[in-house]
Amino acid sequence: MSADKLKDCKIIFVVGGPGSGKGTQCEKIVHKYGYTHLSTGDLLRAEVNSGSERGKTFHKIMEGGGLVPLETILEMLRDAMIAKADVSKGFLIDGYPREVKQGEEFEKRIGPPTLLLYVDAGKETMVQRLLGRGKTSGRSDDNEETITKRLETYYKATEPVINFYQPRGIIRKINAEGTVDEVFAQVCAALDALK
């Protein structure tokens, strides 16, 4: 299978902080537009849970606090995209790129993004949403101290990414402060303009 199948596909990077609501918006996009939602975290977890040799290797790396190499992640993304290329209207690459190098490598190996949806909520909003989620999710990383660290990391990493894509005019900044439906209305406006 070659990456040629992806040549004319719409590729949308979805960037947003933890608690910005980007996951919720991705679900709504999939439902309305028939896009395929891909998250590198989900792909890694699925590979680990599959018990494959590659999964076992990833587990060792992640258990030791390391990062799975970028080339490997891009290979998994590309394979997942090629597998769905015939049936998908486009691809949402969730939480990607986290740094400029990831974006550059993605373009070399897969292709350029059609659009970057920047789901932007204020720090206070994200903290409150994550604390709220923490009460029900049981996720150990949804506590105030960890949330603050995650947000700092996110801001540090995201600014250069936004600056990198800004000159191309493909960024659509979505104000994620409103209700799910208010935010989705802005998302739809950005996606409808692509046709």
C-alpha atoms as a PDB file:
ATOM      1  CA  MET A   1       0.000   0.000   0.000  1.00  0.00           C
ATOM      2  CA  SER A   2       1.437   3.328  -0.953  1.00  0.00           C
ATOM      3  CA  ALA A   3       0.929   6.818   0.379  1.00  0.00           C
ATOM      4  CA  ASP A   4      -0.349   7.808  -3.107  1.00  0.00           C
ATOM      5  CA  LYS A   5      -3.830   6.940  -1.890  1.00  0.00           C
ATOM      6  CA  LEU A   6      -3.567   9.876   0.506  1.00  0.00           C
ATOM      7  CA  LYS A   7      -2.631  12.450  -2.133  1.00  0.00           C
ATOM      8  CA  ASP A   8      -6.063  14.065  -2.440  1.00  0.00           C
ATOM      9  CA  CYS A   9      -7.262  13.425   1.106  1.00  0.00           C
ATOM     10  CA  LYS A  10      -8.204  16.246   3.429  1.00  0.00           C
ATOM     11  CA  ILE A  11      -5.876  16.172   6.400  1.00  0.00           C
ATOM     12  CA  ILE A  12      -6.840  18.248   9.400  1.00  0.00           C
ATOM     13  CA  PHE A  13      -4.536  18.721  12.348  1.00  0.00           C
ATOM     14  CA  VAL A  14      -6.537  19.326  15.536  1.00  0.00           C
ATOM     15  CA  VAL A  15      -4.583  21.227  18.162  1.00  0.00           C
ATOM     16  CA  GLY A  16      -5.945  22.213  21.546  1.00  0.00           C
ATOM     17  CA  GLY A  17      -4.994  22.039  25.185  1.00  0.00           C
ATOM     18  CA  PRO A  18      -6.105  19.361  27.610  1.00  0.00           C
ATOM     19  CA  GLY A  19      -9.704  20.196  28.469  1.00  0.00           C
ATOM     20  CA  SER A  20     -10.212  22.410  25.401  1.00  0.00           C
ATOM     21  CA  GLY A  21     -12.885  20.005  24.183  1.00  0.00           C
ATOM     22  CA  LYS A  22     -11.059  18.927  21.038  1.00  0.00           C
ATOM     23  CA  GLY A  23     -11.938  15.262  21.575  1.00  0.00           C
ATOM     24  CA  THR A  24     -15.642  16.094  21.791  1.00  0.00           C
ATOM     25  CA  GLN A  25     -15.419  18.248  18.674  1.00  0.00           C
ATOM     26  CA  CYS A  26     -13.613  15.464  16.787  1.00  0.00           C
ATOM     27  CA  GLU A  27     -16.455  13.053  17.634  1.00  0.00           C
ATOM     28  CA  LYS A  28     -18.987  15.538  16.276  1.00  0.00           C
ATOM     29  CA  ILE A  29     -16.968  16.053  13.070  1.00  0.00           C
ATOM     30  CA  VAL A  30     -16.786  12.278  12.504  1.00  0.00           C
ATOM     31  CA  HIS A  31     -20.554  12.016  12.935  1.00  0.00           C
ATOM     32  CA  LYS A  32     -21.464  14.938  10.661  1.00  0.00           C
ATOM     33  CA  TYR A  33     -18.731  14.844   8.005  1.00  0.00           C
ATOM     34  CA  GLY A  34     -17.597  11.217   7.851  1.00  0.00           C
ATOM     35  CA  TYR A  35     -13.973  11.966   8.652  1.00  0.00           C
ATOM     36  CA  THR A  36     -11.708   9.413  10.312  1.00  0.00           C
ATOM     37  CA  HIS A  37     -10.494  10.436  13.777  1.00  0.00           C
ATOM     38  CA  LEU A  38      -6.931   9.356  14.520  1.00  0.00           C
ATOM     39  CA  SER A  39      -5.120   9.973  17.768  1.00  0.00           C
ATOM     40  CA  THR A  40      -1.499   8.911  18.108  1.00  0.00           C
ATOM     41  CA  GLY A  41      -2.143   8.059  21.778  1.00  0.00           C
ATOM     42  CA  ASP A  42      -5.033   5.752  20.832  1.00  0.00           C
ATOM     43  CA  LEU A  43      -2.942   4.099  18.108  1.00  0.00           C
ATOM     44  CA  LEU A  44      -0.105   3.445  20.567  1.00  0.00           C
ATOM     45  CA  ARG A  45      -2.451   2.071  23.242  1.00  0.00           C
ATOM     46  CA  ALA A  46      -4.184  -0.190  20.703  1.00  0.00           C
ATOM     47  CA  GLU A  47      -0.826  -1.551  19.530  1.00  0.00           C
ATOM     48  CA  VAL A  48       0.288  -2.224  23.129  1.00  0.00           C
ATOM     49  CA  ASN A  49      -3.032  -3.944  23.936  1.00  0.00           C
ATOM     50  CA  SER A  50      -2.814  -6.097  20.805  1.00  0.00           C
ATOM     51  CA  GLY A  51       0.104  -7.978  22.340  1.00  0.00           C
ATOM     52  CA  SER A  52       2.089  -7.754  19.078  1.00  0.00           C
ATOM     53  CA  GLU A  53       5.891  -7.667  19.077  1.00  0.00           C
ATOM     54  CA  ARG A  54       5.754  -3.980  18.194  1.00  0.00           C
ATOM     55  CA  GLY A  55       3.271  -3.451  21.034  1.00  0.00           C
ATOM     56  CA  LYS A  56       5.596  -5.149  23.523  1.00  0.00           C
ATOM     57  CA  THR A  57       8.465  -2.913  22.405  1.00  0.00           C
ATOM     58  CA  PHE A  58       6.280   0.195  22.825  1.00  0.00           C
ATOM     59  CA  HIS A  59       5.207  -0.965  26.269  1.00  0.00           C
ATOM     60  CA  LYS A  60       8.833  -1.258  27.382  1.00  0.00           C
ATOM     61  CA  ILE A  61       9.672   2.211  26.044  1.00  0.00           C
ATOM     62  CA  MET A  62       6.591   3.848  27.596  1.00  0.00           C
ATOM     63  CA  GLU A  63       6.969   2.022  30.909  1.00  0.00           C
ATOM     64  CA  GLY A  64      10.468   3.450  31.182  1.00  0.00           C
ATOM     65  CA  GLY A  65       9.084   6.946  30.618  1.00  0.00           C
ATOM     66  CA  GLY A  66      10.511   7.129  27.092  1.00  0.00           C
ATOM     67  CA  LEU A  67       8.896   8.295  23.875  1.00  0.00           C
ATOM     68  CA  VAL A  68       8.178   6.011  20.952  1.00  0.00           C
ATOM     69  CA  PRO A  69      10.291   7.269  17.999  1.00  0.00           C
ATOM     70  CA  LEU A  70       8.592   9.774  15.709  1.00  0.00           C
ATOM     71  CA  GLU A  71       9.269   7.657  12.585  1.00  0.00           C
ATOM     72  CA  THR A  72       7.403   4.747  14.166  1.00  0.00           C
ATOM     73  CA  ILE A  73       4.424   6.905  15.120  1.00  0.00           C
ATOM     74  CA  LEU A  74       4.250   8.354  11.604  1.00  0.00           C
ATOM     75  CA  GLU A  75       4.421   4.874  10.105  1.00  0.00           C
ATOM     76  CA  MET A  76       1.447   3.828  12.270  1.00  0.00           C
ATOM     77  CA  LEU A  77      -0.488   6.968  11.341  1.00  0.00           C
ATOM     78  CA  ARG A  78       0.220   6.479   7.644  1.00  0.00           C
ATOM     79  CA  ASP A  79      -0.828   2.808   7.783  1.00  0.00           C
ATOM     80  CA  ALA A  80      -4.057   3.717   9.596  1.00  0.00           C
ATOM     81  CA  MET A  81      -4.784   6.450   7.027  1.00  0.00           C
ATOM     82  CA  ILE A  82      -4.079   4.218   4.022  1.00  0.00           C
ATOM     83  CA  ALA A  83      -6.341   1.528   5.501  1.00  0.00           C
ATOM     84  CA  LYS A  84      -9.237   4.016   5.591  1.00  0.00           C
ATOM     85  CA  ALA A  85      -8.401   6.097   2.505  1.00  0.00           C
ATOM     86  CA  ASP A  86     -11.114   4.546   0.314  1.00  0.00           C
ATOM     87  CA  VAL A  87     -13.950   5.067   2.769  1.00  0.00           C
ATOM     88  CA  SER A  88     -12.996   8.276   4.563  1.00  0.00           C
ATOM     89  CA  LYS A  89     -13.923  11.849   3.617  1.00  0.00           C
ATOM     90  CA  GLY A  90     -10.804  13.085   5.375  1.00  0.00           C
ATOM     91  CA  PHE A  91      -8.645  12.640   8.439  1.00  0.00           C
ATOM     92  CA  LEU A  92      -8.604  14.370  11.802  1.00  0.00           C
ATOM     93  CA  ILE A  93      -5.174  14.023  13.346  1.00  0.00           C
ATOM     94  CA  ASP A  94      -5.937  14.704  16.986  1.00  0.00           C
ATOM     95  CA  GLY A  95      -3.366  16.432  19.200  1.00  0.00           C
ATOM     96  CA  TYR A  96      -0.852  16.618  16.389  1.00  0.00           C
ATOM     97  CA  PRO A  97       1.680  18.030  15.769  1.00  0.00           C
ATOM     98  CA  ARG A  98       2.929  18.728  19.288  1.00  0.00           C
ATOM     99  CA  GLU A  99       6.117  20.286  17.952  1.00  0.00           C
ATOM    100  CA  VAL A 100       7.290  21.728  14.644  1.00  0.00           C
ATOM    101  CA  LYS A 101       9.546  18.757  13.842  1.00  0.00           C
ATOM    102  CA  GLN A 102       6.522  16.422  14.024  1.00  0.00           C
ATOM    103  CA  GLY A 103       4.693  18.592  11.513  1.00  0.00           C
ATOM    104  CA  GLU A 104       7.655  18.698   9.150  1.00  0.00           C
ATOM    105  CA  GLU A 105       8.170  14.930   9.296  1.00  0.00           C
ATOM    106  CA  PHE A 106       4.443  14.276   8.800  1.00  0.00           C
ATOM    107  CA  GLU A 107       4.538  16.343   5.605  1.00  0.00           C
ATOM    108  CA  LYS A 108       7.629  14.522   4.306  1.00  0.00           C
ATOM    109  CA  ARG A 109       6.195  11.068   4.929  1.00  0.00           C
ATOM    110  CA  ILE A 110       2.445  11.557   4.513  1.00  0.00           C
ATOM    111  CA  GLY A 111       1.457  14.969   3.177  1.00  0.00           C
ATOM    112  CA  PRO A 112       0.650  18.575   4.082  1.00  0.00           C
ATOM    113  CA  PRO A 113      -2.343  19.451   6.259  1.00  0.00           C
ATOM    114  CA  THR A 114      -5.335  21.034   4.543  1.00  0.00           C
ATOM    115  CA  LEU A 115      -6.260  22.843   7.735  1.00  0.00           C
ATOM    116  CA  LEU A 116      -5.171  23.230  11.331  1.00  0.00           C
ATOM    117  CA  LEU A 117      -8.084  23.570  13.741  1.00  0.00           C
ATOM    118  CA  TYR A 118      -6.826  25.399  16.794  1.00  0.00           C
ATOM    119  CA  VAL A 119      -9.360  24.668  19.537  1.00  0.00           C
ATOM    120  CA  ASP A 120      -8.545  27.398  21.991  1.00  0.00           C
ATOM    121  CA  ALA A 121      -9.973  27.733  25.495  1.00  0.00           C
ATOM    122  CA  GLY A 122      -8.661  29.911  28.300  1.00  0.00           C
ATOM    123  CA  LYS A 123      -6.449  28.360  30.948  1.00  0.00           C
ATOM    124  CA  GLU A 124      -9.073  28.747  33.670  1.00  0.00           C
ATOM    125  CA  THR A 125     -11.738  27.026  31.535  1.00  0.00           C
ATOM    126  CA  MET A 126      -9.446  24.098  30.775  1.00  0.00           C
ATOM    127  CA  VAL A 127      -8.499  23.685  34.450  1.00  0.00           C
ATOM    128  CA  GLN A 128     -12.160  23.690  35.526  1.00  0.00           C
ATOM    129  CA  ARG A 129     -13.175  21.203  32.824  1.00  0.00           C
ATOM    130  CA  LEU A 130     -10.325  18.849  33.711  1.00  0.00           C
ATOM    131  CA  LEU A 131     -11.073  19.023  37.435  1.00  0.00           C
ATOM    132  CA  GLY A 132     -14.710  18.277  36.599  1.00  0.00           C
ATOM    133  CA  ARG A 133     -13.663  15.344  34.440  1.00  0.00           C
ATOM    134  CA  GLY A 134     -11.334  14.128  37.197  1.00  0.00           C
ATOM    135  CA  LYS A 135     -14.279  13.693  39.568  1.00  0.00           C
ATOM    136  CA  THR A 136     -15.847  11.118  37.236  1.00  0.00           C
ATOM    137  CA  SER A 137     -13.037   9.812  35.018  1.00  0.00           C
ATOM    138  CA  GLY A 138     -10.787   8.327  37.650  1.00  0.00           C
ATOM    139  CA  ARG A 139      -7.851   9.544  35.539  1.00  0.00           C
ATOM    140  CA  SER A 140      -4.883  10.101  37.826  1.00  0.00           C
ATOM    141  CA  ASP A 141      -3.641  13.010  35.698  1.00  0.00           C
ATOM    142  CA  ASP A 142      -6.808  15.063  36.262  1.00  0.00           C
ATOM    143  CA  ASN A 143      -5.656  16.783  39.461  1.00  0.00           C
ATOM    144  CA  GLU A 144      -4.749  20.455  39.844  1.00  0.00           C
ATOM    145  CA  GLU A 145      -0.974  20.073  40.134  1.00  0.00           C
ATOM    146  CA  THR A 146      -0.671  17.731  37.152  1.00  0.00           C
ATOM    147  CA  ILE A 147      -3.137  19.812  35.133  1.00  0.00           C
ATOM    148  CA  THR A 148      -1.031  22.954  35.662  1.00  0.00           C
ATOM    149  CA  LYS A 149       2.085  21.121  34.455  1.00  0.00           C
ATOM    150  CA  ARG A 150       0.257  19.689  31.447  1.00  0.00           C
ATOM    151  CA  LEU A 151      -0.981  23.144  30.480  1.00  0.00           C
ATOM    152  CA  GLU A 152       2.504  24.674  30.789  1.00  0.00           C
ATOM    153  CA  THR A 153       3.918  21.926  28.573  1.00  0.00           C
ATOM    154  CA  TYR A 154       1.088  22.409  26.097  1.00  0.00           C
ATOM    155  CA  TYR A 155       1.562  26.197  25.803  1.00  0.00           C
ATOM    156  CA  LYS A 156       5.326  25.889  25.413  1.00  0.00           C
ATOM    157  CA  ALA A 157       4.989  23.313  22.666  1.00  0.00           C
ATOM    158  CA  THR A 158       2.027  24.793  20.791  1.00  0.00           C
ATOM    159  CA  GLU A 159       3.154  28.369  20.235  1.00  0.00           C
ATOM    160  CA  PRO A 160       5.979  27.427  17.805  1.00  0.00           C
ATOM    161  CA  VAL A 161       3.587  25.078  15.941  1.00  0.00           C
ATOM    162  CA  ILE A 162       1.020  27.854  15.473  1.00  0.00           C
ATOM    163  CA  ASN A 163       3.770  30.261  14.371  1.00  0.00           C
ATOM    164  CA  PHE A 164       5.056  27.658  11.892  1.00  0.00           C
ATOM    165  CA  TYR A 165       1.674  27.239  10.134  1.00  0.00           C
ATOM    166  CA  GLN A 166       0.448  30.843  10.461  1.00  0.00           C
ATOM    167  CA  PRO A 167       2.103  32.106   7.237  1.00  0.00           C
ATOM    168  CA  ARG A 168       0.284  29.408   5.214  1.00  0.00           C
ATOM    169  CA  GLY A 169      -3.117  30.757   6.186  1.00  0.00           C
ATOM    170  CA  ILE A 170      -4.470  27.297   7.103  1.00  0.00           C
ATOM    171  CA  ILE A 171      -5.110  27.902  10.808  1.00  0.00           C
ATOM    172  CA  ARG A 172      -8.714  28.285  11.932  1.00  0.00           C
ATOM    173  CA  LYS A 173      -8.833  29.414  15.537  1.00  0.00           C
ATOM    174  CA  ILE A 174     -11.918  28.121  17.305  1.00  0.00           C
ATOM    175  CA  ASN A 175     -13.054  29.887  20.469  1.00  0.00           C
ATOM    176  CA  ALA A 176     -13.752  26.911  22.733  1.00  0.00           C
ATOM    177  CA  GLU A 177     -15.207  28.875  25.636  1.00  0.00           C
ATOM    178  CA  GLY A 178     -18.873  28.316  24.715  1.00  0.00           C
ATOM    179  CA  THR A 179     -21.162  25.305  24.805  1.00  0.00           C
ATOM    180  CA  VAL A 180     -20.330  22.220  22.755  1.00  0.00           C
ATOM    181  CA  ASP A 181     -22.835  23.288  20.080  1.00  0.00           C
ATOM    182  CA  GLU A 182     -21.603  26.906  19.944  1.00  0.00           C
ATOM    183  CA  VAL A 183     -18.056  25.653  19.456  1.00  0.00           C
ATOM    184  CA  PHE A 184     -19.188  23.128  16.849  1.00  0.00           C
ATOM    185  CA  ALA A 185     -20.910  25.875  14.840  1.00  0.00           C
ATOM    186  CA  GLN A 186     -17.478  27.533  14.415  1.00  0.00           C
ATOM    187  CA  VAL A 187     -15.910  24.184  13.509  1.00  0.00           C
ATOM    188  CA  CYS A 188     -18.587  23.589  10.861  1.00  0.00           C
ATOM    189  CA  ALA A 189     -18.001  27.034   9.364  1.00  0.00           C
ATOM    190  CA  ALA A 190     -14.290  26.219   9.003  1.00  0.00           C
ATOM    191  CA  LEU A 191     -14.934  22.778   7.473  1.00  0.00           C
ATOM    192  CA  ASP A 192     -17.749  23.888   5.168  1.00  0.00           C
ATOM    193  CA  ALA A 193     -15.384  26.446   3.654  1.00  0.00           C
ATOM    194  CA  LEU A 194     -13.091  23.596   2.507  1.00  0.00           C
ATOM    195  CA  LYS A 195     -15.484  22.102  -0.079  1.00  0.00           C
END
